[in-house]
Structure formats: structure tokens, C-alpha cells
Amino acid sequence: MDRAKDHHSQGSKTTGRRAGGSDFLQLDLREAPPGSRTERLTARIRSAIADGTLPLGSRLPPSRVLAAELGVSRGVVTEAYQRLADAGQVQGRGRAGTTVAAAPLPPAAPLFPAVPPAPASAAPPARLVPAPSDEPGEPFRAGAGEALVDALRSVPCRIDLSPGVPDLTAFPRTAWLQAERRVLGALTPGDFGYGNPQGAPALRTAVAGWLARNRGIRADPGEIVIVAGVAQALALVAYVLREGGVHRVAVEDPGSLGARQQLEYGRLETVPVPVDEGGLDTAALRASGAPAVLLTPAHQFPTGVVLDGERRRELLGWAADGGLVVEDDYDAEHRYDRAPVPALRALLPEGVCYAGSVSKLLAPALRLGWLLVPPRLRDAVVAAKRYADLGNPVLAQLVLARLMDSGELERHLRHVRRRHRRRRDAMLRAIAAHLPGARVHGAAAGLHLMVTFDGAAFEDTALAARALALGVKAHPLSWHRVRPGAPGLVLGYAAGPPGELEEGIALLGRARSRLR
């Protein structure tokens, strides 16, 4: 590291916590052979980062100070810092010094384990992929398949390219606060009691208007159930189907790991059905014998394809014959280079359960969404919601209703579309520059891209592991597959500024080059 990185020893300020000297290392290098001192120091600092002694954002001691306390030459320390920087675990910030940027992973720890074995009807599960022996990274041990995404989410990193996260810096705080003040000013004491488990009437009315304007769905407020995001919508549907004697549900392959696990947690067997350029293979759906199917027809996760017209007609015919469609309207409002796609619910209300939320438009933390089900299932779904939680918090429902009614939510949507388009374009340019040969899917809409490496011999979990060791998070495509397929990554672009996205893709390119 250069001399400028030591200037903080003269009293410059930083927000990170500083390791005051060499005590945290518990290391004596004076008796070590001269040729091994740098390696020993590098390994010890790496271990201190991994076990939390040096947390993310903390500053390392100035090289001059650390060298003096350890009784070694300054070159030993600067070389150790440089090795850690090359691995993406620390970074120099001029007068702010050298700070921890990403946590490493002990060589024996498995990185990005495959999802647990699929049902007997599915293809054999992917094998566990061990950590590369020549690269460090944060411990990533997932004892159960459902912990995979949560485990990755908890690992600190410099650049997060995980899919499914919007631009949280764009959350309309001012508009939300203004709406909240107006709502609070109008509430009576009785409004703070237990609400309707189906949802506040004001929000159900506002959602009905929102769906009519944006998705072409005509629904009475009485048909709408307010839920804690699409995850709860799937949990409620799974419970009602299971109670009604349905035990198998078809799912897209590739498709959302989280959605599949949600259904399996509800004790439903998931049956994988292939997805191609036209969307879900409806002939394979019929052949599966599953009485229900979960799909994302407007912007399929993760491929980004749209269910084409012929497949839509075939799917609606299958539903008219008694099948049930569970439509996750994933990312439908985030489109850039194509016309809007009608919701299936608008075409066959009696055969479609429809789920949507504001998690990708506003923020996942709000836990606000909606569910529409066919009339024959409505009473059972409302009862399941009542016994699940007595209904969503009323205040947030009323604030969202005001944002919808005032047009503020549409204004916010137009604003974030522009921001997301710029970020998508930045990621596309970076992929072209740093991942030659990668094939990009789903760029016309959504908040993520899928890239595949057709013909490549490496495991995408190994690529994701190496990227994580360089401080970059990304989902391996195989996490979202049941049957085997080309290696790939699912890369979110909405949450980071263009410069950060470009740096992240460059580091992915670096990780990719090490797999050759």
C-alpha cells in the first residue's frame, strides 16, 4: 500500500473503527524465518477479519506503527496489506487508511452449497461445491437449503449484486411522511383497534384502482386480501390448497428458489416444468398431472422471458379445464424496452390466484402486498389470514392507500424506472467489457439480469464463491434450477449506483478468469 495510506496516524478522522495496534493479532513474528513473515501476517489478519475481530469497515493499523510493534520491517506489513487488497478483503482509502472491505472464507468451508435434494420426480440434485482452496472468503455454511439466501444476505461485502432488491435510496421518505401525518391526523381512537383481517377497506379500494390502471385487472375491493408480501400470499395459498386436498404444484424451472421453498414449507410437492424462450412449457405442464401451477408470466424469474401468446392461450385452456394458476406478478411494473404484458388474472379471474406487492417498487421492509383468489377459495384464504396474524398493521396500509390515491406512487414509479434503466445500461456495458462470451437474458424489464456461460465447464457456484472472496455477492443460477443446465449468474442492478455495478462486474470478470 502507498505511503498516503499511513497519514491517518497523524490524526485524520474516519468513521471506521481502528485496530489500535498489534495486540489484536496475538502474533510474534520475531522468531519466524524472514521469508515466512509476510505469509504469517497475512494469514493472521485474514483470520481476524473472518472471526469478527476486525469487522467490516474497521481500519487496520498504519503499516509503520504495526511494523514497529511487531518488530519487522515495514515492507513485511505493506506486502501483507497488498495481498489482502488484491483478494478484495481490504481497500486503501488515502488519508482514511486501510479498511476491511470483505470477510474471507476458511478454505475448508463450503461455499454456495447446492439446494437440498429435489422431490423424487425431479432431476438429481446438484452436488455440493467446496470453497476453492486457493481463495479465502467468509464462512458460508448452510445446514438446510432454506438458509441459503439468508446466509448469503448476512455475509458482509463491498458490492451486492443479489437479485430482488430495488433502489432503496429512492424510497419516497418525504411523500411517505407527509401521507403518514395526514393519515394520523384523520384517525379516530377506534381506528387503532383490531382491523379487518382482509385488510383496511381504504387500501383494498386503492389497490383495486391501482390494478385497474396498471395491470388491466377489474376487481371489487371485497375480492382483495392484503398480505405481508408475496411470500405470505404463497403461504396462504399453499395452506388452502393442502387443506383442499391438493398435494402437488407445478413450478417453473428455472424459477425462484424462495417461492419453491415457500410452497414446500407448506407441505406441497413441487413439480418442475421447463421454461424456454416462450415461457412455461404448457405441454409439459399438462403431462405433469399437477392440478396447480405457480408462474411469473409477465417477467419470468430468473430468465426474464414473457409467456407468449400461444402459451397463454394454452395455459388458460388448461385452467378452464380445472387447473389453478397462481400468478406471481413479479417485476411487472419495471419495464423499459417493451410494452406492458396483460395479467392472466384479467383474462380468467375464476381460474387465477393473483399476487403482487410493493416490495420491488417501494421497499421489502414494508411487507405489504395483495392477493386475489377465485371466489371458491376466498373465504378459506381470509380465514387463513385471520388465524395467521389478524391482519397487517393498519397505519402502513392507510399510508400506502393515500400514496396510491394521490398519484404519488405512479410518480415514484416513473422516477425509479429512469434510475433503474440507467443502472441496467451500466451493467450491460460492464458485462460486454468484462465478461466476454456471457449471454445476457431478460434485459427488457425487471431489476436483474440473468447471464449464462454456454459450453463452460465450471460450476456457477464456484464462480459465485470466488466473486464473494473478492467482495461481490451474486446468486449462482443453479440455486434456482431443479434440473441441470448451463452455468450462470443472476445479477441484481437496481440497488447500486452505476460505478459500483461496473466495479462489481469487473471483479466478476476477474473471478471468471481464475476458473479457466
Protein backbone atom coordinates (compact mmCIF):
# COMPACT_ATOMS: atom_id res chain seq x y z
CA MET A 1 0.00 0.00 0.00
CA ASP A 2 1.35 3.50 -0.69
CA ARG A 3 2.54 5.99 1.88
CA ALA A 4 -0.63 8.08 1.70
CA LYS A 5 -2.50 5.30 3.49
CA ASP A 6 -0.48 5.89 6.65
CA HIS A 7 -1.36 9.56 7.03
CA HIS A 8 -4.27 8.76 9.34
CA SER A 9 -1.69 8.08 12.06
CA GLN A 10 -1.27 11.85 12.21
CA GLY A 11 -4.84 12.35 13.39
CA SER A 12 -7.09 12.35 10.32
CA LYS A 13 -10.72 11.42 11.03
CA THR A 14 -12.67 8.43 9.81
CA THR A 15 -15.96 6.82 10.67
CA GLY A 16 -14.48 3.29 10.80
CA ARG A 17 -13.23 1.68 13.98
CA ARG A 18 -9.43 1.41 14.17
CA ALA A 19 -7.43 -1.56 15.39
CA GLY A 20 -5.17 0.36 17.78
CA GLY A 21 -2.01 -1.69 17.40
CA SER A 22 -0.77 -5.24 17.11
CA ASP A 23 -2.49 -6.66 20.21
CA PHE A 24 -5.47 -7.91 18.25
CA LEU A 25 -3.16 -10.18 16.23
CA GLN A 26 -1.65 -12.07 19.20
CA LEU A 27 1.30 -12.73 16.91
CA ASP A 28 5.08 -12.81 17.45
CA LEU A 29 6.98 -12.64 14.17
CA ARG A 30 10.43 -12.05 15.58
CA GLU A 31 11.25 -15.75 15.79
CA ALA A 32 9.72 -16.56 12.40
CA PRO A 33 12.07 -17.15 9.44
CA PRO A 34 12.34 -13.92 7.41
CA GLY A 35 10.82 -15.48 4.31
CA SER A 36 7.63 -16.56 6.08
CA ARG A 37 6.77 -13.40 7.98
CA THR A 38 4.56 -11.84 5.28
CA GLU A 39 2.59 -15.06 4.83
CA ARG A 40 2.07 -15.45 8.58
CA LEU A 41 0.97 -11.84 9.00
CA THR A 42 -1.40 -12.06 6.01
CA ALA A 43 -2.98 -15.25 7.36
CA ARG A 44 -3.41 -13.82 10.85
CA ILE A 45 -5.07 -10.62 9.63
CA ARG A 46 -7.31 -12.67 7.37
CA SER A 47 -8.32 -14.80 10.37
CA ALA A 48 -9.04 -11.68 12.43
CA ILE A 49 -11.37 -10.43 9.71
CA ALA A 50 -13.10 -13.81 9.43
CA ASP A 51 -13.77 -14.20 13.15
CA GLY A 52 -15.03 -10.63 13.55
CA THR A 53 -12.08 -9.27 15.48
CA LEU A 54 -11.72 -6.82 12.59
CA PRO A 55 -15.32 -6.12 11.48
CA LEU A 56 -16.33 -4.73 8.11
CA GLY A 57 -15.31 -1.07 7.82
CA SER A 58 -12.69 -1.14 10.58
CA ARG A 59 -9.25 0.38 9.93
CA LEU A 60 -6.04 -1.56 10.07
CA PRO A 61 -3.11 0.00 11.97
CA PRO A 62 -0.78 2.17 9.88
CA SER A 63 1.92 -0.01 8.35
CA ARG A 64 4.67 1.96 10.09
CA VAL A 65 3.02 1.51 13.51
CA LEU A 66 2.28 -2.17 13.04
CA ALA A 67 5.80 -2.90 11.76
CA ALA A 68 7.33 -1.21 14.79
CA GLU A 69 5.13 -3.11 17.25
CA LEU A 70 5.78 -6.46 15.57
CA GLY A 71 9.50 -5.83 15.27
CA VAL A 72 9.61 -6.39 11.50
CA SER A 73 10.40 -4.24 8.51
CA ARG A 74 7.67 -2.02 7.16
CA GLY A 75 7.88 -3.88 3.85
CA VAL A 76 6.54 -7.05 5.52
CA VAL A 77 3.41 -5.17 6.60
CA THR A 78 2.85 -3.30 3.33
CA GLU A 79 3.20 -6.53 1.36
CA ALA A 80 0.68 -8.27 3.63
CA TYR A 81 -1.76 -5.38 3.19
CA GLN A 82 -1.26 -5.52 -0.57
CA ARG A 83 -2.06 -9.25 -0.68
CA LEU A 84 -5.25 -8.65 1.26
CA ALA A 85 -6.17 -5.79 -1.09
CA ASP A 86 -5.56 -7.99 -4.14
CA ALA A 87 -8.00 -10.51 -2.66
CA GLY A 88 -10.59 -7.76 -2.13
CA GLN A 89 -10.59 -8.09 1.66
CA VAL A 90 -9.18 -4.63 2.42
CA GLN A 91 -9.01 -1.40 0.49
CA GLY A 92 -6.89 1.71 0.77
CA ARG A 93 -8.74 5.00 1.16
CA GLY A 94 -6.00 7.61 1.10
CA ARG A 95 -5.93 9.58 4.33
CA ALA A 96 -8.65 7.34 5.76
CA GLY A 97 -6.16 4.47 5.80
CA THR A 98 -6.66 0.80 5.01
CA THR A 99 -10.09 -0.59 5.89
CA VAL A 100 -11.72 -4.01 5.91
CA ALA A 101 -13.87 -4.42 2.79
CA ALA A 102 -14.98 -8.07 2.82
CA ALA A 103 -14.70 -11.08 5.09
CA PRO A 104 -12.70 -14.11 3.91
CA LEU A 105 -13.68 -17.74 4.00
CA PRO A 106 -11.60 -20.53 5.54
CA PRO A 107 -10.51 -22.92 2.75
CA ALA A 108 -12.39 -25.86 4.27
CA ALA A 109 -15.77 -24.10 4.39
CA PRO A 110 -18.26 -24.98 1.64
CA LEU A 111 -19.25 -22.02 -0.48
CA PHE A 112 -22.62 -21.79 -2.18
CA PRO A 113 -23.82 -25.30 -1.40
CA ALA A 114 -26.40 -26.68 -3.75
CA VAL A 115 -30.06 -26.65 -2.77
CA PRO A 116 -31.31 -29.77 -0.98
CA PRO A 117 -32.42 -32.82 -2.98
CA ALA A 118 -35.50 -32.21 -5.08
CA PRO A 119 -38.56 -34.47 -4.92
CA ALA A 120 -38.27 -37.92 -6.45
CA SER A 121 -39.98 -36.68 -9.61
CA ALA A 122 -37.25 -34.13 -10.24
CA ALA A 123 -33.74 -34.49 -11.62
CA PRO A 124 -30.87 -35.43 -9.27
CA PRO A 125 -29.72 -32.53 -7.08
CA ALA A 126 -26.57 -30.58 -7.85
CA ARG A 127 -23.57 -31.58 -5.77
CA LEU A 128 -22.04 -29.52 -3.02
CA VAL A 129 -19.27 -27.24 -4.25
CA PRO A 130 -16.34 -26.76 -1.86
CA ALA A 131 -14.52 -23.49 -1.46
CA PRO A 132 -11.60 -23.01 -3.84
CA SER A 133 -8.53 -23.99 -1.90
CA ASP A 134 -6.51 -21.01 -3.12
CA GLU A 135 -9.00 -18.29 -2.23
CA PRO A 136 -10.34 -17.08 1.11
CA GLY A 137 -13.88 -15.96 1.86
CA GLU A 138 -16.49 -15.56 4.58
CA PRO A 139 -17.73 -18.77 6.23
CA PHE A 140 -20.86 -19.83 4.40
CA ARG A 141 -22.25 -22.95 5.95
CA ALA A 142 -25.96 -23.56 5.25
CA GLY A 143 -27.19 -26.54 7.17
CA ALA A 144 -30.56 -26.50 5.39
CA GLY A 145 -31.50 -25.44 1.90
CA GLU A 146 -33.90 -22.77 3.05
CA ALA A 147 -31.00 -20.98 4.78
CA LEU A 148 -29.01 -20.41 1.59
CA VAL A 149 -30.28 -16.97 0.64
CA ASP A 150 -30.41 -15.77 4.24
CA ALA A 151 -26.85 -16.97 4.78
CA LEU A 152 -25.63 -15.05 1.75
CA ARG A 153 -27.59 -11.96 2.77
CA SER A 154 -25.82 -11.90 6.14
CA VAL A 155 -22.29 -12.05 4.71
CA PRO A 156 -20.65 -8.60 4.53
CA CYS A 157 -19.35 -7.49 1.14
CA ARG A 158 -18.31 -4.42 -0.79
CA ILE A 159 -20.71 -4.81 -3.70
CA ASP A 160 -24.05 -6.62 -3.52
CA LEU A 161 -25.44 -7.82 -6.86
CA SER A 162 -28.10 -10.06 -5.31
CA PRO A 163 -31.38 -10.00 -7.27
CA GLY A 164 -34.72 -8.86 -5.91
CA VAL A 165 -33.73 -5.59 -4.24
CA PRO A 166 -34.93 -2.20 -5.58
CA ASP A 167 -33.15 1.15 -5.27
CA LEU A 168 -33.75 1.63 -1.56
CA THR A 169 -32.10 5.07 -1.62
CA ALA A 170 -35.01 6.22 -3.78
CA PHE A 171 -37.65 5.42 -1.16
CA PRO A 172 -40.01 8.45 -1.11
CA ARG A 173 -39.41 9.43 2.51
CA THR A 174 -40.88 12.91 2.22
CA ALA A 175 -44.04 11.72 0.49
CA TRP A 176 -44.42 8.86 2.99
CA LEU A 177 -44.01 11.16 5.99
CA GLN A 178 -46.50 13.69 4.60
CA ALA A 179 -49.04 10.95 3.92
CA GLU A 180 -48.48 9.46 7.38
CA ARG A 181 -49.10 12.81 9.07
CA ARG A 182 -52.35 13.27 7.17
CA VAL A 183 -53.46 9.75 7.99
CA LEU A 184 -52.65 10.14 11.68
CA GLY A 185 -54.46 13.45 11.79
CA ALA A 186 -57.65 11.86 10.49
CA LEU A 187 -57.67 8.68 12.60
CA THR A 188 -60.15 8.27 15.44
CA PRO A 189 -59.28 6.33 18.64
CA GLY A 190 -61.33 3.43 17.36
CA ASP A 191 -59.12 3.15 14.27
CA PHE A 192 -56.27 1.96 16.50
CA GLY A 193 -58.14 -1.20 17.44
CA TYR A 194 -58.09 -4.54 15.64
CA GLY A 195 -58.75 -4.10 11.95
CA ASN A 196 -60.31 -6.26 9.29
CA PRO A 197 -58.04 -9.29 8.71
CA GLN A 198 -58.79 -9.00 5.00
CA GLY A 199 -57.18 -5.54 5.02
CA ALA A 200 -58.15 -1.93 5.53
CA PRO A 201 -61.07 -1.05 3.20
CA ALA A 202 -59.26 2.11 2.10
CA LEU A 203 -56.23 0.14 0.88
CA ARG A 204 -58.31 -2.56 -0.77
CA THR A 205 -60.15 0.18 -2.67
CA ALA A 206 -56.86 1.86 -3.62
CA VAL A 207 -55.34 -1.46 -4.76
CA ALA A 208 -58.39 -2.12 -6.93
CA GLY A 209 -57.81 1.21 -8.66
CA TRP A 210 -54.05 0.59 -8.96
CA LEU A 211 -54.59 -2.82 -10.56
CA ALA A 212 -57.17 -1.43 -12.99
CA ARG A 213 -54.85 1.39 -14.09
CA ASN A 214 -51.60 -0.56 -14.23
CA ARG A 215 -52.45 -4.22 -14.81
CA GLY A 216 -55.84 -4.18 -16.53
CA ILE A 217 -57.44 -6.15 -13.68
CA ARG A 218 -61.02 -5.32 -12.76
CA ALA A 219 -61.59 -6.30 -9.15
CA ASP A 220 -64.01 -5.32 -6.43
CA PRO A 221 -62.31 -4.29 -3.14
CA GLY A 222 -64.11 -7.21 -1.50
CA GLU A 223 -62.11 -9.62 -3.67
CA ILE A 224 -58.75 -8.33 -2.41
CA VAL A 225 -56.86 -9.67 0.61
CA ILE A 226 -53.99 -7.52 1.96
CA VAL A 227 -50.98 -9.70 2.83
CA ALA A 228 -47.43 -9.34 4.13
CA GLY A 229 -45.86 -9.57 0.68
CA VAL A 230 -45.98 -12.28 -1.95
CA ALA A 231 -44.27 -14.70 0.45
CA GLN A 232 -47.31 -14.68 2.72
CA ALA A 233 -49.63 -14.85 -0.28
CA LEU A 234 -47.93 -18.11 -1.34
CA ALA A 235 -48.06 -19.42 2.22
CA LEU A 236 -51.81 -18.78 2.42
CA VAL A 237 -52.47 -20.35 -0.98
CA ALA A 238 -50.34 -23.37 -0.06
CA TYR A 239 -52.28 -23.87 3.17
CA VAL A 240 -55.68 -23.58 1.47
CA LEU A 241 -54.70 -25.92 -1.36
CA ARG A 242 -53.34 -28.50 1.05
CA GLU A 243 -56.50 -28.33 3.16
CA GLY A 244 -58.49 -28.77 -0.05
CA GLY A 245 -56.70 -31.97 -0.99
CA VAL A 246 -54.11 -30.59 -3.42
CA HIS A 247 -50.65 -32.04 -2.76
CA ARG A 248 -48.64 -31.16 -5.90
CA VAL A 249 -47.95 -27.80 -7.55
CA ALA A 250 -46.00 -27.30 -10.76
CA VAL A 251 -43.26 -24.65 -10.70
CA GLU A 252 -41.11 -23.05 -13.37
CA ASP A 253 -37.63 -24.49 -13.91
CA PRO A 254 -35.56 -22.42 -13.65
CA GLY A 255 -37.66 -20.49 -11.17
CA SER A 256 -37.44 -18.72 -7.84
CA LEU A 257 -35.76 -20.83 -5.15
CA GLY A 258 -37.56 -18.83 -2.46
CA ALA A 259 -41.00 -19.33 -4.00
CA ARG A 260 -40.39 -23.04 -4.44
CA GLN A 261 -39.28 -23.37 -0.83
CA GLN A 262 -42.32 -21.42 0.35
CA LEU A 263 -44.62 -23.99 -1.25
CA GLU A 264 -42.56 -26.89 0.07
CA TYR A 265 -42.68 -25.41 3.57
CA GLY A 266 -46.47 -25.53 3.14
CA ARG A 267 -46.09 -29.30 2.63
CA LEU A 268 -46.73 -29.23 -1.11
CA GLU A 269 -44.65 -31.25 -3.53
CA THR A 270 -43.23 -29.02 -6.28
CA VAL A 271 -43.04 -30.42 -9.80
CA PRO A 272 -40.50 -28.70 -12.10
CA VAL A 273 -41.75 -27.71 -15.57
CA PRO A 274 -39.24 -26.40 -18.14
CA VAL A 275 -39.10 -22.77 -19.22
CA ASP A 276 -37.87 -21.79 -22.68
CA GLU A 277 -37.96 -18.67 -24.87
CA GLY A 278 -41.77 -18.79 -24.89
CA GLY A 279 -42.11 -19.16 -21.14
CA LEU A 280 -43.53 -22.13 -19.27
CA ASP A 281 -43.85 -25.28 -21.41
CA THR A 282 -47.61 -25.79 -21.23
CA ALA A 283 -47.45 -29.23 -22.87
CA ALA A 284 -45.09 -30.36 -20.11
CA LEU A 285 -47.45 -28.83 -17.56
CA ARG A 286 -50.33 -30.96 -18.82
CA ALA A 287 -48.12 -34.03 -18.88
CA SER A 288 -47.04 -33.42 -15.26
CA GLY A 289 -50.54 -34.05 -13.95
CA ALA A 290 -50.17 -31.28 -11.37
CA PRO A 291 -53.54 -29.63 -10.59
CA ALA A 292 -51.99 -26.19 -9.93
CA VAL A 293 -49.04 -24.17 -11.19
CA LEU A 294 -47.07 -21.20 -9.85
CA LEU A 295 -45.56 -18.95 -12.51
CA THR A 296 -44.27 -15.45 -13.24
CA PRO A 297 -45.73 -14.76 -16.70
CA ALA A 298 -45.04 -11.02 -17.07
CA HIS A 299 -41.30 -11.24 -16.30
CA GLN A 300 -40.21 -14.78 -15.57
CA PHE A 301 -37.73 -15.19 -12.75
CA PRO A 302 -34.87 -15.59 -13.45
CA THR A 303 -34.83 -15.77 -17.26
CA GLY A 304 -36.84 -12.59 -17.87
CA VAL A 305 -38.89 -14.14 -20.68
CA VAL A 306 -42.57 -13.27 -21.20
CA LEU A 307 -45.17 -16.01 -21.53
CA ASP A 308 -46.03 -15.74 -25.23
CA GLY A 309 -49.50 -15.54 -26.74
CA GLU A 310 -49.82 -19.17 -27.76
CA ARG A 311 -48.68 -20.41 -24.37
CA ARG A 312 -51.09 -18.01 -22.66
CA ARG A 313 -54.00 -19.45 -24.60
CA GLU A 314 -52.90 -22.99 -23.79
CA LEU A 315 -52.46 -22.15 -20.11
CA LEU A 316 -55.87 -20.52 -19.89
CA GLY A 317 -57.38 -23.57 -21.60
CA TRP A 318 -55.69 -25.79 -19.02
CA ALA A 319 -57.12 -23.60 -16.23
CA ALA A 320 -60.59 -23.67 -17.82
CA ASP A 321 -60.38 -27.48 -17.68
CA GLY A 322 -59.98 -27.32 -13.90
CA GLY A 323 -56.36 -26.31 -13.31
CA LEU A 324 -55.45 -23.48 -10.94
CA VAL A 325 -52.92 -20.79 -11.90
CA VAL A 326 -51.03 -18.96 -9.15
CA GLU A 327 -49.76 -15.80 -10.81
CA ASP A 328 -46.84 -14.02 -9.14
CA ASP A 329 -46.83 -10.67 -10.95
CA TYR A 330 -43.09 -10.37 -10.43
CA ASP A 331 -41.48 -7.11 -11.63
CA ALA A 332 -44.42 -6.42 -13.97
CA GLU A 333 -44.25 -2.64 -13.44
CA HIS A 334 -40.49 -2.40 -14.09
CA ARG A 335 -40.28 -2.40 -17.89
CA TYR A 336 -38.02 -0.40 -20.18
CA ASP A 337 -37.94 -1.71 -23.75
CA ARG A 338 -41.25 -3.48 -24.21
CA ALA A 339 -44.97 -2.89 -23.95
CA PRO A 340 -46.88 -3.89 -20.79
CA VAL A 341 -48.00 -7.51 -20.61
CA PRO A 342 -51.61 -8.19 -19.52
CA ALA A 343 -52.06 -10.07 -16.27
CA LEU A 344 -53.54 -13.56 -16.55
CA ARG A 345 -55.97 -12.65 -13.78
CA ALA A 346 -57.54 -10.07 -16.09
CA LEU A 347 -58.37 -12.82 -18.59
CA LEU A 348 -59.66 -15.61 -16.31
CA PRO A 349 -60.50 -14.43 -12.75
CA GLU A 350 -62.17 -17.71 -11.81
CA GLY A 351 -59.02 -19.73 -12.58
CA VAL A 352 -56.22 -17.50 -11.32
CA CYS A 353 -54.85 -16.59 -7.90
CA TYR A 354 -53.02 -13.29 -8.36
CA ALA A 355 -50.29 -11.98 -6.01
CA GLY A 356 -48.46 -8.66 -6.06
CA SER A 357 -46.68 -6.31 -3.67
CA VAL A 358 -44.76 -3.04 -3.31
CA SER A 359 -41.56 -4.82 -2.25
CA LYS A 360 -39.83 -4.08 -5.56
CA LEU A 361 -41.48 -0.69 -6.07
CA LEU A 362 -41.01 0.81 -2.58
CA ALA A 363 -39.20 -1.50 -0.15
CA PRO A 364 -39.37 -5.12 1.02
CA ALA A 365 -39.34 -3.95 4.66
CA LEU A 366 -42.90 -2.62 4.31
CA ARG A 367 -44.25 -6.19 3.96
CA LEU A 368 -47.30 -5.04 2.02
CA GLY A 369 -48.92 -6.89 -0.83
CA TRP A 370 -52.24 -8.19 -2.10
CA LEU A 371 -53.82 -11.46 -3.10
CA LEU A 372 -56.83 -12.10 -5.31
CA VAL A 373 -58.24 -15.61 -5.48
CA PRO A 374 -61.16 -17.27 -7.26
CA PRO A 375 -64.48 -16.95 -5.41
CA ARG A 376 -64.44 -20.60 -4.34
CA LEU A 377 -61.23 -20.05 -2.33
CA ARG A 378 -61.84 -16.57 -0.90
CA ASP A 379 -63.46 -17.46 2.42
CA ALA A 380 -60.77 -20.05 3.17
CA VAL A 381 -57.96 -17.59 2.36
CA VAL A 382 -59.47 -14.85 4.53
CA ALA A 383 -59.84 -17.33 7.39
CA ALA A 384 -56.23 -18.45 6.98
CA LYS A 385 -55.09 -14.83 7.06
CA ARG A 386 -57.12 -14.17 10.21
CA TYR A 387 -55.54 -17.07 12.06
CA ALA A 388 -52.07 -16.24 10.73
CA ASP A 389 -51.79 -12.70 12.12
CA LEU A 390 -55.21 -10.97 12.45
CA GLY A 391 -54.27 -8.73 9.53
CA ASN A 392 -51.47 -6.36 8.51
CA PRO A 393 -50.66 -3.23 10.57
CA VAL A 394 -53.31 -0.67 9.68
CA LEU A 395 -51.22 2.53 9.70
CA ALA A 396 -48.90 1.42 6.89
CA GLN A 397 -51.91 0.23 4.89
CA LEU A 398 -53.58 3.64 5.12
CA VAL A 399 -50.39 5.49 4.19
CA LEU A 400 -49.95 3.30 1.10
CA ALA A 401 -53.60 3.87 0.19
CA ARG A 402 -53.05 7.64 0.29
CA LEU A 403 -49.93 7.36 -1.90
CA MET A 404 -51.90 5.32 -4.44
CA ASP A 405 -54.94 7.61 -4.42
CA SER A 406 -52.89 10.80 -4.71
CA GLY A 407 -50.88 9.64 -7.72
CA GLU A 408 -47.66 9.80 -5.70
CA LEU A 409 -46.96 6.10 -6.24
CA GLU A 410 -47.21 6.48 -10.03
CA ARG A 411 -44.81 9.43 -9.88
CA HIS A 412 -42.41 7.34 -7.85
CA LEU A 413 -42.67 4.51 -10.39
CA ARG A 414 -41.77 6.85 -13.25
CA HIS A 415 -38.82 8.17 -11.24
CA VAL A 416 -37.34 4.77 -10.39
CA ARG A 417 -37.85 3.44 -13.91
CA ARG A 418 -35.45 6.09 -15.18
CA ARG A 419 -32.92 5.28 -12.46
CA HIS A 420 -33.19 1.55 -12.99
CA ARG A 421 -32.80 1.91 -16.76
CA ARG A 422 -29.52 3.80 -16.30
CA ARG A 423 -28.25 1.14 -13.93
CA ARG A 424 -29.27 -1.67 -16.23
CA ASP A 425 -27.44 0.01 -19.11
CA ALA A 426 -24.33 0.39 -16.95
CA MET A 427 -24.39 -3.31 -16.09
CA LEU A 428 -24.88 -4.29 -19.73
CA ARG A 429 -21.85 -2.23 -20.76
CA ALA A 430 -19.78 -3.75 -17.97
CA ILE A 431 -20.78 -7.31 -18.91
CA ALA A 432 -19.78 -6.67 -22.51
CA ALA A 433 -16.41 -5.34 -21.36
CA HIS A 434 -15.52 -7.78 -18.57
CA LEU A 435 -17.47 -10.99 -19.22
CA PRO A 436 -16.87 -11.75 -22.91
CA GLY A 437 -18.83 -14.76 -24.03
CA ALA A 438 -21.52 -14.33 -21.38
CA ARG A 439 -25.05 -14.45 -22.76
CA VAL A 440 -27.47 -11.91 -21.26
CA HIS A 441 -31.16 -12.71 -20.70
CA GLY A 442 -34.11 -10.58 -19.60
CA ALA A 443 -32.75 -7.07 -20.18
CA ALA A 444 -36.05 -5.55 -21.37
CA ALA A 445 -37.64 -5.38 -17.92
CA GLY A 446 -37.19 -6.15 -14.24
CA LEU A 447 -34.48 -5.44 -11.69
CA HIS A 448 -31.97 -8.14 -12.60
CA LEU A 449 -30.19 -9.81 -15.48
CA MET A 450 -29.50 -13.47 -15.98
CA VAL A 451 -26.20 -14.33 -17.62
CA THR A 452 -25.23 -17.80 -18.82
CA PHE A 453 -21.89 -19.21 -19.89
CA ASP A 454 -22.93 -21.70 -22.54
CA GLY A 455 -20.44 -24.52 -23.01
CA ALA A 456 -18.41 -23.58 -19.93
CA ALA A 457 -17.03 -26.43 -17.83
CA PHE A 458 -17.01 -24.69 -14.44
CA GLU A 459 -19.69 -24.75 -11.73
CA ASP A 460 -21.51 -21.44 -11.27
CA THR A 461 -21.33 -21.96 -7.50
CA ALA A 462 -17.53 -21.92 -7.81
CA LEU A 463 -17.72 -18.64 -9.73
CA ALA A 464 -20.02 -17.11 -7.13
CA ALA A 465 -17.68 -18.31 -4.39
CA ARG A 466 -14.65 -16.68 -5.99
CA ALA A 467 -16.63 -13.48 -6.52
CA LEU A 468 -17.62 -13.44 -2.86
CA ALA A 469 -13.97 -13.80 -1.87
CA LEU A 470 -13.35 -10.62 -3.91
CA GLY A 471 -16.16 -8.83 -2.07
CA VAL A 472 -19.02 -9.29 -4.58
CA LYS A 473 -22.30 -11.13 -3.94
CA ALA A 474 -24.27 -12.76 -6.74
CA HIS A 475 -26.67 -15.68 -6.99
CA PRO A 476 -25.50 -18.76 -8.89
CA LEU A 477 -28.15 -19.70 -11.43
CA SER A 478 -28.06 -23.31 -10.26
CA TRP A 479 -29.69 -22.23 -6.98
CA HIS A 480 -32.83 -21.52 -8.99
CA ARG A 481 -32.75 -24.69 -11.08
CA VAL A 482 -34.04 -28.16 -10.34
CA ARG A 483 -32.78 -29.84 -13.49
CA PRO A 484 -29.19 -29.28 -14.65
CA GLY A 485 -28.37 -26.54 -17.14
CA ALA A 486 -25.68 -24.15 -18.31
CA PRO A 487 -23.77 -22.36 -15.53
CA GLY A 488 -24.81 -18.77 -14.94
CA LEU A 489 -25.44 -15.96 -12.51
CA VAL A 490 -28.48 -13.88 -11.53
CA LEU A 491 -27.34 -10.27 -11.08
CA GLY A 492 -29.40 -7.50 -9.50
CA TYR A 493 -28.68 -3.97 -10.73
CA ALA A 494 -31.32 -1.77 -9.11
CA ALA A 495 -29.74 -1.32 -5.68
CA GLY A 496 -26.31 0.01 -6.68
CA PRO A 497 -25.06 3.14 -8.48
CA PRO A 498 -23.57 2.66 -11.98
CA GLY A 499 -19.95 2.99 -10.83
CA GLU A 500 -20.41 0.29 -8.20
CA LEU A 501 -22.11 -2.01 -10.73
CA GLU A 502 -19.24 -1.57 -13.17
CA GLU A 503 -16.69 -2.37 -10.46
CA GLY A 504 -18.67 -5.42 -9.37
CA ILE A 505 -18.84 -6.84 -12.89
CA ALA A 506 -15.12 -6.18 -13.36
CA LEU A 507 -14.44 -8.23 -10.23
CA LEU A 508 -16.74 -10.97 -11.54
CA GLY A 509 -14.66 -10.96 -14.72
CA ARG A 510 -11.57 -11.36 -12.59
CA ALA A 511 -13.16 -14.26 -10.72
CA ARG A 512 -14.24 -15.82 -14.02
CA SER A 513 -10.72 -15.64 -15.42
CA ARG A 514 -9.40 -17.68 -12.48
CA LEU A 515 -11.68 -20.59 -13.37
CA ARG A 516 -10.10 -21.23 -16.75
